[in-house]
C-alpha atoms as a PDB file:
ATOM      1  CA  UNK A   1      37.094 -22.450 -14.510  1.00  0.00           C
ATOM      2  CA  UNK A   2      35.194 -20.080 -16.844  1.00  0.00           C
ATOM      3  CA  UNK A   3      37.148 -18.834 -19.814  1.00  0.00           C
ATOM      4  CA  UNK A   4      37.150 -15.480 -21.570  1.00  0.00           C
ATOM      5  CA  UNK A   5      35.305 -16.182 -24.813  1.00  0.00           C
ATOM      6  CA  UNK A   6      34.316 -12.629 -25.825  1.00  0.00           C
ATOM      7  CA  UNK A   7      37.529 -12.097 -27.802  1.00  0.00           C
ATOM      8  CA  UNK A   8      37.772 -15.667 -29.102  1.00  0.00           C
ATOM      9  CA  UNK A   9      37.987 -16.061 -32.891  1.00  0.00           C
ATOM     10  CA  UNK A  10      37.463 -19.310 -34.730  1.00  0.00           C
ATOM     11  CA  UNK A  11      40.150 -20.749 -36.969  1.00  0.00           C
ATOM     12  CA  UNK A  12      38.457 -20.600 -40.343  1.00  0.00           C
ATOM     13  CA  UNK A  13      41.399 -21.151 -42.672  1.00  0.00           C
ATOM     14  CA  UNK A  14      43.870 -23.693 -41.326  1.00  0.00           C
ATOM     15  CA  UNK A  15      45.499 -22.243 -38.200  1.00  0.00           C
ATOM     16  CA  UNK A  16      44.573 -18.688 -39.282  1.00  0.00           C
ATOM     17  CA  UNK A  17      41.537 -16.673 -38.395  1.00  0.00           C
ATOM     18  CA  UNK A  18      39.659 -14.786 -41.068  1.00  0.00           C
ATOM     19  CA  UNK A  19      41.226 -11.438 -40.062  1.00  0.00           C
ATOM     20  CA  UNK A  20      44.777 -12.853 -40.099  1.00  0.00           C
ATOM     21  CA  UNK A  21      44.189 -14.434 -43.491  1.00  0.00           C
ATOM     22  CA  UNK A  22      42.937 -11.092 -44.936  1.00  0.00           C
ATOM     23  CA  UNK A  23      46.010  -9.222 -43.639  1.00  0.00           C
ATOM     24  CA  UNK A  24      48.368 -11.772 -45.242  1.00  0.00           C
ATOM     25  CA  UNK A  25      46.448 -11.879 -48.528  1.00  0.00           C
ATOM     26  CA  UNK A  26      46.430  -8.065 -48.817  1.00  0.00           C
ATOM     27  CA  UNK A  27      49.920  -7.020 -47.657  1.00  0.00           C
ATOM     28  CA  UNK A  28      52.122  -9.837 -49.056  1.00  0.00           C
ATOM     29  CA  UNK A  29      50.900  -9.424 -52.692  1.00  0.00           C
ATOM     30  CA  UNK A  30      51.123  -5.638 -52.200  1.00  0.00           C
ATOM     31  CA  UNK A  31      54.766  -5.989 -51.187  1.00  0.00           C
ATOM     32  CA  UNK A  32      55.444  -8.154 -54.250  1.00  0.00           C
ATOM     33  CA  UNK A  33      53.861  -5.481 -56.492  1.00  0.00           C
ATOM     34  CA  UNK A  34      56.087  -2.781 -54.921  1.00  0.00           C
ATOM     35  CA  UNK A  35      59.124  -5.019 -55.488  1.00  0.00           C
ATOM     36  CA  UNK A  36      58.296  -5.240 -59.199  1.00  0.00           C
ATOM     37  CA  UNK A  37      57.459  -1.549 -59.630  1.00  0.00           C
ATOM     38  CA  UNK A  38      60.639  -0.135 -58.035  1.00  0.00           C
ATOM     39  CA  UNK A  39      63.626  -0.680 -60.287  1.00  0.00           C
ATOM     40  CA  UNK A  40      66.302   0.232 -57.733  1.00  0.00           C
ATOM     41  CA  UNK A  41      67.751  -3.089 -56.497  1.00  0.00           C
ATOM     42  CA  UNK A  42      68.080  -2.259 -52.780  1.00  0.00           C
ATOM     43  CA  UNK A  43      65.068  -0.031 -52.280  1.00  0.00           C
ATOM     44  CA  UNK A  44      62.667  -2.451 -53.913  1.00  0.00           C
ATOM     45  CA  UNK A  45      63.643  -5.197 -51.442  1.00  0.00           C
ATOM     46  CA  UNK A  46      63.385  -2.882 -48.423  1.00  0.00           C
ATOM     47  CA  UNK A  47      59.961  -1.510 -49.389  1.00  0.00           C
ATOM     48  CA  UNK A  48      58.649  -4.974 -50.226  1.00  0.00           C
ATOM     49  CA  UNK A  49      59.836  -6.402 -46.890  1.00  0.00           C
ATOM     50  CA  UNK A  50      58.392  -3.422 -44.973  1.00  0.00           C
ATOM     51  CA  UNK A  51      54.948  -3.760 -46.552  1.00  0.00           C
ATOM     52  CA  UNK A  52      54.873  -7.512 -46.133  1.00  0.00           C
ATOM     53  CA  UNK A  53      56.140  -7.182 -42.543  1.00  0.00           C
ATOM     54  CA  UNK A  54      53.244  -4.862 -41.730  1.00  0.00           C
ATOM     55  CA  UNK A  55      50.767  -7.535 -42.765  1.00  0.00           C
ATOM     56  CA  UNK A  56      52.617 -10.220 -40.756  1.00  0.00           C
ATOM     57  CA  UNK A  57      52.740  -7.913 -37.697  1.00  0.00           C
ATOM     58  CA  UNK A  58      49.023  -7.120 -37.913  1.00  0.00           C
ATOM     59  CA  UNK A  59      48.271 -10.820 -38.236  1.00  0.00           C
ATOM     60  CA  UNK A  60      50.519 -12.368 -35.541  1.00  0.00           C
ATOM     61  CA  UNK A  61      52.160  -9.780 -33.216  1.00  0.00           C
ATOM     62  CA  UNK A  62      50.118  -8.658 -30.154  1.00  0.00           C
ATOM     63  CA  UNK A  63      50.917  -5.644 -27.950  1.00  0.00           C
ATOM     64  CA  UNK A  64      49.830  -5.944 -24.306  1.00  0.00           C
ATOM     65  CA  UNK A  65      47.691  -8.955 -25.170  1.00  0.00           C
ATOM     66  CA  UNK A  66      45.924  -7.002 -27.896  1.00  0.00           C
ATOM     67  CA  UNK A  67      46.258  -7.341 -31.666  1.00  0.00           C
ATOM     68  CA  UNK A  68      48.491  -4.763 -33.273  1.00  0.00           C
ATOM     69  CA  UNK A  69      45.670  -3.263 -35.346  1.00  0.00           C
ATOM     70  CA  UNK A  70      43.604  -2.619 -32.208  1.00  0.00           C
ATOM     71  CA  UNK A  71      46.612  -1.043 -30.497  1.00  0.00           C
ATOM     72  CA  UNK A  72      47.277   1.258 -33.475  1.00  0.00           C
ATOM     73  CA  UNK A  73      43.629   2.286 -33.653  1.00  0.00           C
ATOM     74  CA  UNK A  74      43.540   3.148 -29.932  1.00  0.00           C
ATOM     75  CA  UNK A  75      46.874   4.959 -30.220  1.00  0.00           C
ATOM     76  CA  UNK A  76      45.647   7.324 -32.947  1.00  0.00           C
ATOM     77  CA  UNK A  77      42.333   7.778 -31.124  1.00  0.00           C
ATOM     78  CA  UNK A  78      44.122   8.910 -27.940  1.00  0.00           C
ATOM     79  CA  UNK A  79      46.427  11.258 -29.857  1.00  0.00           C
ATOM     80  CA  UNK A  80      43.608  13.008 -31.693  1.00  0.00           C
ATOM     81  CA  UNK A  81      41.197  13.223 -28.700  1.00  0.00           C
ATOM     82  CA  UNK A  82      41.380  16.214 -26.313  1.00  0.00           C
ATOM     83  CA  UNK A  83      43.344  15.851 -23.096  1.00  0.00           C
ATOM     84  CA  UNK A  84      41.617  18.632 -21.143  1.00  0.00           C
ATOM     85  CA  UNK A  85      37.949  19.237 -20.420  1.00  0.00           C
ATOM     86  CA  UNK A  86      36.623  22.631 -19.308  1.00  0.00           C
ATOM     87  CA  UNK A  87      33.593  22.866 -17.013  1.00  0.00           C
ATOM     88  CA  UNK A  88      31.022  25.530 -17.923  1.00  0.00           C
ATOM     89  CA  UNK A  89      28.676  26.374 -15.075  1.00  0.00           C
ATOM     90  CA  UNK A  90      25.922  27.797 -17.274  1.00  0.00           C
ATOM     91  CA  UNK A  91      25.508  24.779 -19.503  1.00  0.00           C
ATOM     92  CA  UNK A  92      21.859  23.821 -20.093  1.00  0.00           C
ATOM     93  CA  UNK A  93      20.693  20.755 -18.123  1.00  0.00           C
ATOM     94  CA  UNK A  94      20.584  17.349 -19.735  1.00  0.00           C
ATOM     95  CA  UNK A  95      17.227  16.488 -21.267  1.00  0.00           C
ATOM     96  CA  UNK A  96      16.418  13.632 -18.859  1.00  0.00           C
ATOM     97  CA  UNK A  97      17.138  15.886 -15.837  1.00  0.00           C
ATOM     98  CA  UNK A  98      14.480  18.424 -16.799  1.00  0.00           C
ATOM     99  CA  UNK A  99      11.073  18.639 -15.083  1.00  0.00           C
ATOM    100  CA  UNK A 100      12.075  16.454 -12.150  1.00  0.00           C
ATOM    101  CA  UNK A 101       9.774  16.194  -9.122  1.00  0.00           C
ATOM    102  CA  UNK A 102      11.658  16.930  -5.906  1.00  0.00           C
ATOM    103  CA  UNK A 103      10.003  16.046  -2.628  1.00  0.00           C
ATOM    104  CA  UNK A 104      10.476  18.462   0.268  1.00  0.00           C
ATOM    105  CA  UNK A 105      12.036  17.543   3.563  1.00  0.00           C
ATOM    106  CA  UNK A 106       9.541  15.890   5.997  1.00  0.00           C
ATOM    107  CA  UNK A 107      10.901  18.092   8.799  1.00  0.00           C
ATOM    108  CA  UNK A 108       9.567  21.099   6.912  1.00  0.00           C
ATOM    109  CA  UNK A 109       6.196  19.372   6.727  1.00  0.00           C
ATOM    110  CA  UNK A 110       6.086  18.907  10.512  1.00  0.00           C
ATOM    111  CA  UNK A 111       7.138  22.554  10.979  1.00  0.00           C
ATOM    112  CA  UNK A 112       4.304  23.623   8.683  1.00  0.00           C
ATOM    113  CA  UNK A 113       1.802  21.594  10.758  1.00  0.00           C
ATOM    114  CA  UNK A 114       3.046  23.196  13.986  1.00  0.00           C
ATOM    115  CA  UNK A 115       2.738  26.658  12.405  1.00  0.00           C
ATOM    116  CA  UNK A 116      -0.855  25.916  11.415  1.00  0.00           C
ATOM    117  CA  UNK A 117      -1.678  24.832  14.976  1.00  0.00           C
ATOM    118  CA  UNK A 118      -0.162  28.021  16.437  1.00  0.00           C
ATOM    119  CA  UNK A 119      -2.074  30.134  13.906  1.00  0.00           C
ATOM    120  CA  UNK A 120      -5.354  28.404  14.849  1.00  0.00           C
ATOM    121  CA  UNK A 121      -4.742  29.094  18.560  1.00  0.00           C
ATOM    122  CA  UNK A 122      -3.923  32.758  17.839  1.00  0.00           C
ATOM    123  CA  UNK A 123      -7.043  33.286  15.727  1.00  0.00           C
ATOM    124  CA  UNK A 124      -9.195  31.615  18.376  1.00  0.00           C
ATOM    125  CA  UNK A 125      -7.782  33.851  21.141  1.00  0.00           C
ATOM    126  CA  UNK A 126      -8.259  37.018  19.080  1.00  0.00           C
ATOM    127  CA  UNK A 127     -11.651  36.174  17.619  1.00  0.00           C
ATOM    128  CA  UNK A 128     -13.947  39.242  17.533  1.00  0.00           C
ATOM    129  CA  UNK A 129     -16.971  39.003  19.849  1.00  0.00           C
ATOM    130  CA  UNK A 130     -20.283  38.732  18.015  1.00  0.00           C
ATOM    131  CA  UNK A 131     -23.415  39.895  19.811  1.00  0.00           C
ATOM    132  CA  UNK A 132     -25.955  37.217  20.516  1.00  0.00           C
ATOM    133  CA  UNK A 133     -29.013  37.887  18.393  1.00  0.00           C
ATOM    134  CA  UNK A 134     -30.965  34.795  19.448  1.00  0.00           C
ATOM    135  CA  UNK A 135     -33.400  36.832  21.582  1.00  0.00           C
ATOM    136  CA  UNK A 136     -34.049  39.301  18.756  1.00  0.00           C
ATOM    137  CA  UNK A 137     -34.709  36.497  16.320  1.00  0.00           C
ATOM    138  CA  UNK A 138     -37.127  34.903  18.781  1.00  0.00           C
ATOM    139  CA  UNK A 139     -39.037  38.170  19.172  1.00  0.00           C
ATOM    140  CA  UNK A 140     -39.275  38.649  15.410  1.00  0.00           C
ATOM    141  CA  UNK A 141     -40.619  35.113  14.937  1.00  0.00           C
ATOM    142  CA  UNK A 142     -43.217  35.672  17.674  1.00  0.00           C
ATOM    143  CA  UNK A 143     -44.316  38.923  15.967  1.00  0.00           C
ATOM    144  CA  UNK A 144     -45.018  37.114  12.727  1.00  0.00           C
ATOM    145  CA  UNK A 145     -46.881  34.310  14.483  1.00  0.00           C
ATOM    146  CA  UNK A 146     -48.970  36.420  16.923  1.00  0.00           C
ATOM    147  CA  UNK A 147     -48.659  40.089  15.968  1.00  0.00           C
ATOM    148  CA  UNK A 148     -51.445  41.410  18.254  1.00  0.00           C
ATOM    149  CA  UNK A 149     -50.357  39.567  21.389  1.00  0.00           C
ATOM    150  CA  UNK A 150     -46.633  40.159  20.934  1.00  0.00           C
ATOM    151  CA  UNK A 151     -46.518  43.939  20.686  1.00  0.00           C
ATOM    152  CA  UNK A 152     -46.522  44.648  24.405  1.00  0.00           C
ATOM    153  CA  UNK A 153     -43.973  41.975  25.455  1.00  0.00           C
ATOM    154  CA  UNK A 154     -41.766  43.114  22.622  1.00  0.00           C
ATOM    155  CA  UNK A 155     -41.669  46.650  23.980  1.00  0.00           C
ATOM    156  CA  UNK A 156     -40.718  45.339  27.400  1.00  0.00           C
ATOM    157  CA  UNK A 157     -38.087  43.188  25.843  1.00  0.00           C
ATOM    158  CA  UNK A 158     -36.670  46.120  23.940  1.00  0.00           C
ATOM    159  CA  UNK A 159     -36.596  48.344  27.005  1.00  0.00           C
ATOM    160  CA  UNK A 160     -35.036  45.627  29.096  1.00  0.00           C
ATOM    161  CA  UNK A 161     -32.472  45.032  26.439  1.00  0.00           C
ATOM    162  CA  UNK A 162     -31.736  48.720  26.295  1.00  0.00           C
ATOM    163  CA  UNK A 163     -31.282  48.930  30.051  1.00  0.00           C
ATOM    164  CA  UNK A 164     -29.091  45.892  30.079  1.00  0.00           C
ATOM    165  CA  UNK A 165     -26.919  47.165  27.280  1.00  0.00           C
ATOM    166  CA  UNK A 166     -26.664  50.584  28.888  1.00  0.00           C
ATOM    167  CA  UNK A 167     -25.627  48.995  32.160  1.00  0.00           C
ATOM    168  CA  UNK A 168     -23.114  46.899  30.323  1.00  0.00           C
ATOM    169  CA  UNK A 169     -21.626  50.013  28.686  1.00  0.00           C
ATOM    170  CA  UNK A 170     -20.873  51.588  32.069  1.00  0.00           C
ATOM    171  CA  UNK A 171     -17.313  51.039  33.319  1.00  0.00           C
ATOM    172  CA  UNK A 172     -16.980  48.659  36.241  1.00  0.00           C
ATOM    173  CA  UNK A 173     -15.903  50.062  39.608  1.00  0.00           C
ATOM    174  CA  UNK A 174     -12.242  50.070  40.519  1.00  0.00           C
ATOM    175  CA  UNK A 175     -11.069  46.821  42.065  1.00  0.00           C
ATOM    176  CA  UNK A 176     -13.904  44.796  40.532  1.00  0.00           C
ATOM    177  CA  UNK A 177     -12.595  44.631  36.991  1.00  0.00           C
ATOM    178  CA  UNK A 178     -11.737  41.117  35.975  1.00  0.00           C
ATOM    179  CA  UNK A 179      -9.403  40.112  33.263  1.00  0.00           C
ATOM    180  CA  UNK A 180     -11.072  38.796  30.156  1.00  0.00           C
ATOM    181  CA  UNK A 181     -10.301  35.146  29.734  1.00  0.00           C
ATOM    182  CA  UNK A 182      -9.703  33.980  26.164  1.00  0.00           C
ATOM    183  CA  UNK A 183     -12.022  31.253  24.920  1.00  0.00           C
ATOM    184  CA  UNK A 184     -10.626  27.816  25.351  1.00  0.00           C
ATOM    185  CA  UNK A 185      -9.521  26.125  22.136  1.00  0.00           C
ATOM    186  CA  UNK A 186      -8.815  22.455  21.600  1.00  0.00           C
ATOM    187  CA  UNK A 187      -6.193  21.574  19.004  1.00  0.00           C
ATOM    188  CA  UNK A 188      -7.035  18.217  17.557  1.00  0.00           C
ATOM    189  CA  UNK A 189      -4.019  15.960  17.345  1.00  0.00           C
ATOM    190  CA  UNK A 190      -3.811  12.755  15.291  1.00  0.00           C
ATOM    191  CA  UNK A 191      -4.109   9.413  17.060  1.00  0.00           C
ATOM    192  CA  UNK A 192      -0.954   8.325  15.259  1.00  0.00           C
ATOM    193  CA  UNK A 193       1.027   9.588  12.283  1.00  0.00           C
ATOM    194  CA  UNK A 194       4.056   8.489  10.334  1.00  0.00           C
ATOM    195  CA  UNK A 195       6.167   8.840   7.216  1.00  0.00           C
ATOM    196  CA  UNK A 196       7.144   6.313   4.540  1.00  0.00           C
ATOM    197  CA  UNK A 197      10.604   6.559   2.926  1.00  0.00           C
ATOM    198  CA  UNK A 198      12.860   4.551   0.659  1.00  0.00           C
ATOM    199  CA  UNK A 199      16.408   3.420   1.472  1.00  0.00           C
ATOM    200  CA  UNK A 200      17.731   6.860   0.413  1.00  0.00           C
ATOM    201  CA  UNK A 201      15.499   8.565   3.027  1.00  0.00           C
ATOM    202  CA  UNK A 202      13.317  10.144   0.322  1.00  0.00           C
ATOM    203  CA  UNK A 203       9.593  10.323   1.303  1.00  0.00           C
ATOM    204  CA  UNK A 204       7.303   8.248  -0.915  1.00  0.00           C
ATOM    205  CA  UNK A 205       3.910   9.690  -1.942  1.00  0.00           C
ATOM    206  CA  UNK A 206       0.844   7.626  -2.803  1.00  0.00           C
ATOM    207  CA  UNK A 207       1.707   4.575  -0.644  1.00  0.00           C
ATOM    208  CA  UNK A 208      -1.331   2.709   0.755  1.00  0.00           C
ATOM    209  CA  UNK A 209      -1.214   1.637   4.425  1.00  0.00           C
ATOM    210  CA  UNK A 210      -3.572  -1.145   5.566  1.00  0.00           C
ATOM    211  CA  UNK A 211      -4.074  -1.338   9.353  1.00  0.00           C
ATOM    212  CA  UNK A 212      -5.452  -4.804  10.205  1.00  0.00           C
ATOM    213  CA  UNK A 213      -6.577  -6.490  13.382  1.00  0.00           C
ATOM    214  CA  UNK A 214      -5.693  -9.981  14.608  1.00  0.00           C
ATOM    215  CA  UNK A 215      -8.242 -11.599  12.280  1.00  0.00           C
ATOM    216  CA  UNK A 216      -6.813  -9.893   9.193  1.00  0.00           C
ATOM    217  CA  UNK A 217      -9.671  -7.459   8.795  1.00  0.00           C
ATOM    218  CA  UNK A 218      -8.870  -3.970   7.507  1.00  0.00           C
ATOM    219  CA  UNK A 219      -9.895  -1.360  10.071  1.00  0.00           C
ATOM    220  CA  UNK A 220      -7.987   1.612   8.607  1.00  0.00           C
ATOM    221  CA  UNK A 221      -6.873   2.414   5.076  1.00  0.00           C
ATOM    222  CA  UNK A 222      -4.453   5.331   4.855  1.00  0.00           C
ATOM    223  CA  UNK A 223      -2.500   6.942   2.034  1.00  0.00           C
ATOM    224  CA  UNK A 224       0.653   9.054   2.141  1.00  0.00           C
ATOM    225  CA  UNK A 225       0.495  12.639   0.891  1.00  0.00           C
ATOM    226  CA  UNK A 226       3.019  14.173  -1.559  1.00  0.00           C
ATOM    227  CA  UNK A 227       5.454  14.451   1.355  1.00  0.00           C
ATOM    228  CA  UNK A 228       5.169  10.792   2.365  1.00  0.00           C
ATOM    229  CA  UNK A 229       3.219  11.608   5.569  1.00  0.00           C
ATOM    230  CA  UNK A 230       0.070   9.791   6.733  1.00  0.00           C
ATOM    231  CA  UNK A 231      -2.112  10.208   9.841  1.00  0.00           C
ATOM    232  CA  UNK A 232      -5.440   9.183  11.358  1.00  0.00           C
ATOM    233  CA  UNK A 233      -7.506  11.077  13.943  1.00  0.00           C
ATOM    234  CA  UNK A 234      -9.887   8.260  14.887  1.00  0.00           C
ATOM    235  CA  UNK A 235      -8.595   6.427  17.990  1.00  0.00           C
ATOM    236  CA  UNK A 236      -8.181   2.668  18.161  1.00  0.00           C
ATOM    237  CA  UNK A 237      -8.122   0.195  21.013  1.00  0.00           C
ATOM    238  CA  UNK A 238      -4.590   0.030  22.469  1.00  0.00           C
ATOM    239  CA  UNK A 239      -3.150  -3.278  21.259  1.00  0.00           C
ATOM    240  CA  UNK A 240      -1.005  -4.726  18.466  1.00  0.00           C
ATOM    241  CA  UNK A 241      -2.013  -4.196  14.828  1.00  0.00           C
ATOM    242  CA  UNK A 242      -0.647  -5.375  11.502  1.00  0.00           C
ATOM    243  CA  UNK A 243       0.652  -2.712   9.099  1.00  0.00           C
ATOM    244  CA  UNK A 244       0.723  -3.707   5.436  1.00  0.00           C
ATOM    245  CA  UNK A 245       2.046  -1.371   2.718  1.00  0.00           C
ATOM    246  CA  UNK A 246       1.330  -1.406  -0.989  1.00  0.00           C
ATOM    247  CA  UNK A 247       2.713   0.709  -3.817  1.00  0.00           C
ATOM    248  CA  UNK A 248       0.106   1.054  -6.622  1.00  0.00           C
ATOM    249  CA  UNK A 249       2.963   1.464  -9.125  1.00  0.00           C
ATOM    250  CA  UNK A 250       4.752  -1.702  -7.860  1.00  0.00           C
ATOM    251  CA  UNK A 251       8.013   0.226  -7.597  1.00  0.00           C
ATOM    252  CA  UNK A 252       8.660  -0.225  -3.881  1.00  0.00           C
ATOM    253  CA  UNK A 253       8.061  -3.232  -1.645  1.00  0.00           C
ATOM    254  CA  UNK A 254       7.588  -3.441   2.109  1.00  0.00           C
ATOM    255  CA  UNK A 255       7.453  -6.019   4.886  1.00  0.00           C
ATOM    256  CA  UNK A 256       4.314  -6.568   6.936  1.00  0.00           C
ATOM    257  CA  UNK A 257       4.933  -5.239  10.452  1.00  0.00           C
ATOM    258  CA  UNK A 258       3.223  -5.805  13.803  1.00  0.00           C
ATOM    259  CA  UNK A 259       3.171  -2.670  15.986  1.00  0.00           C
ATOM    260  CA  UNK A 260       1.563  -1.939  19.322  1.00  0.00           C
ATOM    261  CA  UNK A 261      -0.453   1.261  19.558  1.00  0.00           C
ATOM    262  CA  UNK A 262      -0.977   3.034  22.859  1.00  0.00           C
ATOM    263  CA  UNK A 263      -3.665   5.468  23.945  1.00  0.00           C
ATOM    264  CA  UNK A 264      -1.346   8.319  22.917  1.00  0.00           C
ATOM    265  CA  UNK A 265       1.233   8.021  20.129  1.00  0.00           C
ATOM    266  CA  UNK A 266       2.973  11.413  19.936  1.00  0.00           C
ATOM    267  CA  UNK A 267       6.091  10.157  18.170  1.00  0.00           C
ATOM    268  CA  UNK A 268       5.649   9.755  14.370  1.00  0.00           C
ATOM    269  CA  UNK A 269       6.246   6.289  12.969  1.00  0.00           C
ATOM    270  CA  UNK A 270       8.846   5.729  10.249  1.00  0.00           C
ATOM    271  CA  UNK A 271       8.717   2.980   7.643  1.00  0.00           C
ATOM    272  CA  UNK A 272      11.294   2.170   4.974  1.00  0.00           C
ATOM    273  CA  UNK A 273      10.950   0.252   1.725  1.00  0.00           C
ATOM    274  CA  UNK A 274      12.616  -3.114   1.226  1.00  0.00           C
ATOM    275  CA  UNK A 275      15.323  -2.527  -1.413  1.00  0.00           C
ATOM    276  CA  UNK A 276      18.840  -3.618  -2.229  1.00  0.00           C
ATOM    277  CA  UNK A 277      21.386  -0.926  -1.398  1.00  0.00           C
END
């Protein structure tokens, strides 16, 4: 069985340790000196025995398995120390808690992405119509190339354009008006996305993700953003791939995982670091 050796003291002088020997050498002669200095017969014996007894007690008498000198030191320390502590809310922060980098919640990140998609759809539906000037540019180029031959067709083109625009400005007859259809917009979605966290569910930025095929070749190399999110928009063949993770700072470690990707992967993937809780 292992023994407690932290408080073990070697016997340096006979059966006495060095500390016990010092207590006896100091207090016993001190008691003898007091006995000689006090001339009163009874008091000199009492004071001498009291001083010598203090040295013997410090040397041999323990209190709760602790030497008497340690007990006395702790006793005076507890008496003089405060017994109540008052909490002040406006205390300045501790120096090592200043300038910390807090990572936002990944749910807020996904909400921000959805807001951007809705904003893109709104701007596309309410995009102001720009007149097509391709025909005008073509006429101007033809004027510079063949100025003499292009004057007459240009006049016809201008008049035709004027007629067409005038006809377009007229209101359509009742019952023939059609609703204007907004231009179709395609919101590009990632082929797959995910988030990397530690065991405390805190997103990890700067983590490298290697997507490998069956032969071990790297076909995608991704990196998490400051919110721990990664994504790729280039599709892959639906099959199983190896996902390897690497922390450039060697702070977090991960297992290599084999995951099957489908043609559509709407649900974000979640990966956690390999740590002891």
